[in-house]
C-alpha atoms as a PDB file:
ATOM      1  CA  MET A   1     103.332 122.757  80.699  1.00  0.00           C
ATOM      2  CA  SER A   2     101.411 119.973  81.756  1.00  0.00           C
ATOM      3  CA  VAL A   3     102.861 117.941  85.108  1.00  0.00           C
ATOM      4  CA  SER A   4     106.076 119.049  86.877  1.00  0.00           C
ATOM      5  CA  SER A   5     107.337 118.616  90.891  1.00  0.00           C
ATOM      6  CA  SER A   6     109.990 120.447  92.716  1.00  0.00           C
ATOM      7  CA  ARG A   7     111.241 120.646  96.067  1.00  0.00           C
ATOM      8  CA  LEU A   8     110.520 124.063  98.046  1.00  0.00           C
ATOM      9  CA  ASN A   9     112.782 125.361 100.081  1.00  0.00           C
ATOM     10  CA  ASP A  10     112.381 124.033 102.839  1.00  0.00           C
ATOM     11  CA  GLY A  11     112.876 120.410 101.772  1.00  0.00           C
ATOM     12  CA  LYS A  12     109.936 119.101 103.459  1.00  0.00           C
ATOM     13  CA  THR A  13     107.534 120.124 100.818  1.00  0.00           C
ATOM     14  CA  LEU A  14     106.699 118.698  97.251  1.00  0.00           C
ATOM     15  CA  MET A  15     105.337 121.511  94.926  1.00  0.00           C
ATOM     16  CA  ILE A  16     102.945 119.803  92.294  1.00  0.00           C
ATOM     17  CA  GLU A  17     102.674 122.407  89.567  1.00  0.00           C
ATOM     18  CA  VAL A  18      99.747 121.756  86.806  1.00  0.00           C
ATOM     19  CA  GLY A  19      99.195 123.520  83.976  1.00  0.00           C
ATOM     20  CA  GLY A  20      96.555 123.259  80.599  1.00  0.00           C
ATOM     21  CA  ARG A  21      93.970 120.220  81.344  1.00  0.00           C
ATOM     22  CA  PHE A  22      94.638 118.447  84.692  1.00  0.00           C
ATOM     23  CA  ASP A  23      92.408 115.584  83.660  1.00  0.00           C
ATOM     24  CA  ALA A  24      92.932 111.915  82.640  1.00  0.00           C
ATOM     25  CA  SER A  25      95.791 113.050  80.054  1.00  0.00           C
ATOM     26  CA  VAL A  26      97.900 113.860  82.477  1.00  0.00           C
ATOM     27  CA  LEU A  27      98.121 110.755  84.932  1.00  0.00           C
ATOM     28  CA  ASP A  28     100.843 109.599  84.939  1.00  0.00           C
ATOM     29  CA  GLU A  29     102.781 112.327  85.205  1.00  0.00           C
ATOM     30  CA  PHE A  30     101.113 113.733  88.011  1.00  0.00           C
ATOM     31  CA  ARG A  31     100.950 110.287  89.468  1.00  0.00           C
ATOM     32  CA  GLU A  32     105.170 109.949  88.902  1.00  0.00           C
ATOM     33  CA  CYS A  33     105.503 113.399  90.701  1.00  0.00           C
ATOM     34  CA  TYR A  34     105.097 112.342  93.973  1.00  0.00           C
ATOM     35  CA  GLU A  35     105.997 108.811  93.092  1.00  0.00           C
ATOM     36  CA  LYS A  36     109.053 108.739  91.687  1.00  0.00           C
ATOM     37  CA  THR A  37     111.271 110.162  94.624  1.00  0.00           C
ATOM     38  CA  SER A  38     112.960 107.836  97.190  1.00  0.00           C
ATOM     39  CA  VAL A  39     112.312 110.964  99.593  1.00  0.00           C
ATOM     40  CA  LYS A  40     108.990 111.027 102.120  1.00  0.00           C
ATOM     41  CA  PHE A  41     107.537 114.603 102.483  1.00  0.00           C
ATOM     42  CA  ASP A  42     106.072 116.563 105.521  1.00  0.00           C
ATOM     43  CA  SER A  43     103.831 118.549 103.672  1.00  0.00           C
ATOM     44  CA  TYR A  44     102.310 118.462  99.450  1.00  0.00           C
ATOM     45  CA  GLU A  45     101.450 121.486  97.503  1.00  0.00           C
ATOM     46  CA  VAL A  46      99.506 121.371  94.278  1.00  0.00           C
ATOM     47  CA  ASN A  47     100.318 124.589  92.387  1.00  0.00           C
ATOM     48  CA  LEU A  48      97.336 125.123  89.962  1.00  0.00           C
ATOM     49  CA  ARG A  49      97.911 128.423  88.613  1.00  0.00           C
ATOM     50  CA  ASP A  50      98.174 127.587  85.018  1.00  0.00           C
ATOM     51  CA  ALA A  51      95.700 125.469  85.507  1.00  0.00           C
ATOM     52  CA  GLU A  52      93.311 126.068  82.925  1.00  0.00           C
ATOM     53  CA  TYR A  53      90.690 123.099  83.598  1.00  0.00           C
ATOM     54  CA  LEU A  54      89.535 120.416  85.711  1.00  0.00           C
ATOM     55  CA  ASP A  55      87.767 117.225  85.311  1.00  0.00           C
ATOM     56  CA  SER A  56      86.405 114.739  88.405  1.00  0.00           C
ATOM     57  CA  SER A  57      89.534 112.147  87.363  1.00  0.00           C
ATOM     58  CA  ALA A  58      91.232 115.598  88.550  1.00  0.00           C
ATOM     59  CA  LEU A  59      89.479 115.550  91.711  1.00  0.00           C
ATOM     60  CA  GLY A  60      90.441 111.642  92.058  1.00  0.00           C
ATOM     61  CA  MET A  61      94.002 111.964  91.347  1.00  0.00           C
ATOM     62  CA  LEU A  62      93.995 114.475  94.407  1.00  0.00           C
ATOM     63  CA  LEU A  63      91.696 112.239  96.595  1.00  0.00           C
ATOM     64  CA  VAL A  64      94.952 109.643  95.365  1.00  0.00           C
ATOM     65  CA  LEU A  65      97.245 112.416  96.509  1.00  0.00           C
ATOM     66  CA  ARG A  66      95.963 112.012  99.915  1.00  0.00           C
ATOM     67  CA  ASP A  67      95.872 108.556 100.257  1.00  0.00           C
ATOM     68  CA  PHE A  68      99.758 108.722  99.027  1.00  0.00           C
ATOM     69  CA  ALA A  69     100.439 111.518 101.673  1.00  0.00           C
ATOM     70  CA  GLY A  70      98.873 109.761 104.702  1.00  0.00           C
ATOM     71  CA  GLY A  71      94.797 110.097 104.894  1.00  0.00           C
ATOM     72  CA  ASP A  72      93.451 111.695 107.337  1.00  0.00           C
ATOM     73  CA  LYS A  73      96.966 112.768 108.632  1.00  0.00           C
ATOM     74  CA  ALA A  74      97.768 114.317 104.613  1.00  0.00           C
ATOM     75  CA  SER A  75      99.167 118.086 104.038  1.00  0.00           C
ATOM     76  CA  ILE A  76      98.391 119.136 101.362  1.00  0.00           C
ATOM     77  CA  LEU A  77      97.927 123.123 100.375  1.00  0.00           C
ATOM     78  CA  ILE A  78      95.893 123.711  96.820  1.00  0.00           C
ATOM     79  CA  SER A  79      97.437 126.879  95.613  1.00  0.00           C
ATOM     80  CA  ASN A  80      96.504 129.522  93.315  1.00  0.00           C
ATOM     81  CA  CYS A  81      93.202 128.292  92.522  1.00  0.00           C
ATOM     82  CA  SER A  82      90.486 131.083  90.529  1.00  0.00           C
ATOM     83  CA  SER A  83      87.562 131.496  91.281  1.00  0.00           C
ATOM     84  CA  GLU A  84      85.699 128.658  89.011  1.00  0.00           C
ATOM     85  CA  VAL A  85      88.001 126.009  90.574  1.00  0.00           C
ATOM     86  CA  LYS A  86      87.397 127.373  94.541  1.00  0.00           C
ATOM     87  CA  ARG A  87      83.415 126.711  93.259  1.00  0.00           C
ATOM     88  CA  ILE A  88      84.478 122.946  92.240  1.00  0.00           C
ATOM     89  CA  PHE A  89      85.890 122.192  95.356  1.00  0.00           C
ATOM     90  CA  ALA A  90      83.328 123.486  97.469  1.00  0.00           C
ATOM     91  CA  ILE A  91      81.006 121.775  95.298  1.00  0.00           C
ATOM     92  CA  SER A  92      82.504 118.543  96.097  1.00  0.00           C
ATOM     93  CA  SER A  93      83.216 119.368  99.574  1.00  0.00           C
ATOM     94  CA  PHE A  94      87.499 119.812  98.790  1.00  0.00           C
ATOM     95  CA  GLU A  95      87.567 122.335 101.450  1.00  0.00           C
ATOM     96  CA  LYS A  96      87.167 119.847 104.328  1.00  0.00           C
ATOM     97  CA  LEU A  97      89.760 117.230 103.181  1.00  0.00           C
ATOM     98  CA  PHE A  98      92.642 119.855 102.170  1.00  0.00           C
ATOM     99  CA  ASP A  99      93.573 123.449 102.521  1.00  0.00           C
ATOM    100  CA  ILE A 100      92.752 125.267  99.621  1.00  0.00           C
ATOM    101  CA  GLN A 101      93.567 128.189  98.502  1.00  0.00           C
END
């Protein structure tokens, strides 16, 4: 598994699920998930339940998604993070930019 997306039941949220390695190898897949649709979503959820690895390019991809979604006004939840991933986000001060669970 790599990257997939689906519209949540509320119809206003796009969920992007990342499995395996979240690194530069999935850049195009990740970007296509939110750029390929003509629908403008109110919020986004990045589900990392099946992510085994995350590097600095993944952090960059999340920042690009944030810009795409509206910058400071963006509503982005990063869900199902392992304790190691939460630690990386804390070190990077991502909890100031994203809702992390």
